[in-house]
Amino acid sequence: MLERHGFEGLFDFVYVRTNFKAMTSFGYGFANFVNHRTAERARRFFNGKASSLSHPEAAEGGVLEVSWTVEHQGLQRHLEHFRNSPMMHPDVPDKFKPLVLRNGVPVPMPPPRRRLSAPKDLRRALSSTEQSASENL
């Protein structure tokens, strides 16, 4: 979505929170732009626009709301927070993990500084899938 609307190469971090029970987005995410001017331009562009701008299947009548995240300002803060997040566990598919970019190209997230547990909802989803598979045998 960011690239489609003229922000290609202008952000270095993006993460959309996933609901593993429903295997859908919670409807919000985080993006870090390469500078404040670009972040402000993105905020003005996206804030108040129809949610279908972000995803064609978004709820009809939904509106995008853009706000600053005081806790997580800047790439380094995002990296420090998410590198130790359960989302970085090896069992989490890459498509659900935060994306770090350098000059528009994906780069690896720094390794965690502690042992990670898989997200609880993912563990439950995986165990119910495994249980259903064994019942079908």
Protein backbone atom coordinates (compact mmCIF):
# COMPACT_ATOMS: atom_id res chain seq x y z
CA MET A 1 0.00 0.00 0.00
CA LEU A 2 2.78 2.45 0.89
CA GLU A 3 4.61 1.74 -2.35
CA ARG A 4 1.41 1.98 -4.44
CA HIS A 5 0.83 5.49 -3.14
CA GLY A 6 4.25 7.02 -3.77
CA PHE A 7 6.20 6.03 -0.66
CA GLU A 8 8.47 3.42 -2.27
CA GLY A 9 11.90 3.47 -0.63
CA LEU A 10 10.75 6.06 1.91
CA PHE A 11 10.09 3.72 4.83
CA ASP A 12 12.47 1.35 6.58
CA PHE A 13 10.16 -0.63 8.85
CA VAL A 14 6.61 -1.94 8.55
CA TYR A 15 4.61 -4.36 10.66
CA VAL A 16 0.93 -5.28 10.53
CA ARG A 17 -0.34 -7.05 13.63
CA THR A 18 -1.95 -10.44 12.94
CA ASN A 19 -4.82 -12.18 14.71
CA PHE A 20 -3.74 -15.83 14.50
CA LYS A 21 -7.14 -17.09 15.65
CA ALA A 22 -8.81 -15.65 12.56
CA MET A 23 -5.64 -15.43 10.43
CA THR A 24 -6.45 -11.80 9.62
CA SER A 25 -5.04 -8.42 10.50
CA PHE A 26 -6.11 -6.70 13.70
CA GLY A 27 -6.60 -3.67 11.46
CA TYR A 28 -3.55 -1.66 12.45
CA GLY A 29 0.15 -1.58 11.87
CA PHE A 30 3.34 0.38 12.32
CA ALA A 31 5.50 2.07 9.73
CA ASN A 32 8.71 4.00 10.20
CA PHE A 33 9.63 6.53 7.54
CA VAL A 34 13.15 7.60 6.63
CA ASN A 35 12.57 11.13 7.89
CA HIS A 36 9.99 13.24 9.69
CA ARG A 37 8.98 15.18 6.58
CA THR A 38 8.02 11.95 4.77
CA ALA A 39 6.19 10.63 7.83
CA GLU A 40 4.18 13.83 8.02
CA ARG A 41 3.39 13.63 4.28
CA ALA A 42 2.18 10.02 4.74
CA ARG A 43 0.07 11.01 7.74
CA ARG A 44 -1.61 13.80 5.76
CA PHE A 45 -2.12 11.54 2.72
CA PHE A 46 -3.61 8.50 4.50
CA ASN A 47 -5.45 9.99 7.48
CA GLY A 48 -9.20 10.07 6.86
CA LYS A 49 -9.06 8.16 3.56
CA ALA A 50 -11.34 5.20 2.90
CA SER A 51 -9.92 1.99 4.38
CA SER A 52 -10.34 0.35 0.97
CA LEU A 53 -7.30 2.42 -0.03
CA SER A 54 -5.20 0.13 2.15
CA HIS A 55 -6.92 -3.13 1.27
CA PRO A 56 -9.62 -3.78 -1.34
CA GLU A 57 -11.49 -6.11 1.03
CA ALA A 58 -11.51 -3.67 3.96
CA ALA A 59 -14.81 -3.03 5.68
CA GLU A 60 -17.02 -0.75 3.64
CA GLY A 61 -17.28 2.69 5.15
CA GLY A 62 -14.11 2.25 7.18
CA VAL A 63 -11.73 5.17 7.45
CA LEU A 64 -7.97 5.10 7.96
CA GLU A 65 -6.71 6.80 11.09
CA VAL A 66 -3.04 7.69 11.32
CA SER A 67 -1.35 8.56 14.59
CA TRP A 68 2.14 8.82 16.02
CA THR A 69 3.29 6.07 18.34
CA VAL A 70 5.06 7.80 21.19
CA GLU A 71 6.62 4.59 22.55
CA HIS A 72 8.16 3.49 19.27
CA GLN A 73 9.74 6.43 17.47
CA GLY A 74 12.53 5.70 15.04
CA LEU A 75 13.95 2.59 13.42
CA GLN A 76 16.27 1.69 16.32
CA ARG A 77 13.40 1.73 18.80
CA HIS A 78 11.29 -0.52 16.55
CA LEU A 79 14.20 -2.94 16.10
CA GLU A 80 14.91 -3.13 19.82
CA HIS A 81 11.26 -3.74 20.62
CA PHE A 82 10.46 -6.29 17.92
CA ARG A 83 13.73 -8.28 17.89
CA ASN A 84 12.70 -9.79 21.25
CA SER A 85 9.04 -10.14 20.34
CA PRO A 86 7.31 -13.53 20.11
CA MET A 87 6.60 -12.54 16.49
CA MET A 88 10.26 -13.24 15.69
CA HIS A 89 10.01 -16.87 16.85
CA PRO A 90 11.12 -19.34 14.11
CA ASP A 91 7.62 -20.91 14.00
CA VAL A 92 6.08 -17.61 12.87
CA PRO A 93 5.91 -17.49 9.05
CA ASP A 94 7.92 -14.60 7.58
CA LYS A 95 4.81 -12.97 6.10
CA PHE A 96 3.62 -12.20 9.65
CA LYS A 97 6.91 -10.75 10.90
CA PRO A 98 8.03 -7.13 10.89
CA LEU A 99 9.78 -6.10 7.69
CA VAL A 100 13.01 -4.11 7.87
CA LEU A 101 14.24 -2.39 4.73
CA ARG A 102 17.40 -0.59 3.66
CA ASN A 103 17.01 1.52 0.51
CA GLY A 104 13.75 -0.32 -0.18
CA VAL A 105 15.36 -3.77 0.03
CA PRO A 106 14.43 -6.23 2.82
CA VAL A 107 17.23 -6.89 5.31
CA PRO A 108 17.34 -9.31 8.26
CA MET A 109 16.01 -8.25 11.62
CA PRO A 110 18.76 -8.16 14.28
CA PRO A 111 18.84 -11.43 16.23
CA PRO A 112 16.93 -11.63 19.52
CA ARG A 113 18.78 -10.99 22.76
CA ARG A 114 16.82 -13.66 24.63
CA ARG A 115 15.06 -16.96 24.01
CA LEU A 116 11.73 -16.40 22.31
CA SER A 117 8.41 -18.16 22.79
CA ALA A 118 5.96 -18.44 19.91
CA PRO A 119 2.91 -16.16 20.22
CA LYS A 120 0.19 -17.84 22.30
CA ASP A 121 -2.45 -17.46 19.60
CA LEU A 122 -0.11 -19.05 17.04
CA ARG A 123 0.63 -21.98 19.36
CA ARG A 124 -3.11 -22.52 19.81
CA ALA A 125 -3.77 -22.24 16.07
CA LEU A 126 -0.97 -24.70 15.27
CA SER A 127 -2.10 -27.19 17.89
CA SER A 128 -5.74 -27.08 16.71
CA THR A 129 -4.59 -27.56 13.09
CA GLU A 130 -2.45 -30.54 14.13
CA GLN A 131 -5.37 -31.96 16.14
CA SER A 132 -7.75 -31.59 13.18
CA ALA A 133 -5.24 -33.28 10.88
CA SER A 134 -4.82 -36.26 13.20
CA GLU A 135 -8.62 -36.61 13.56
CA ASN A 136 -8.95 -36.73 9.77
CA LEU A 137 -6.54 -39.67 9.50
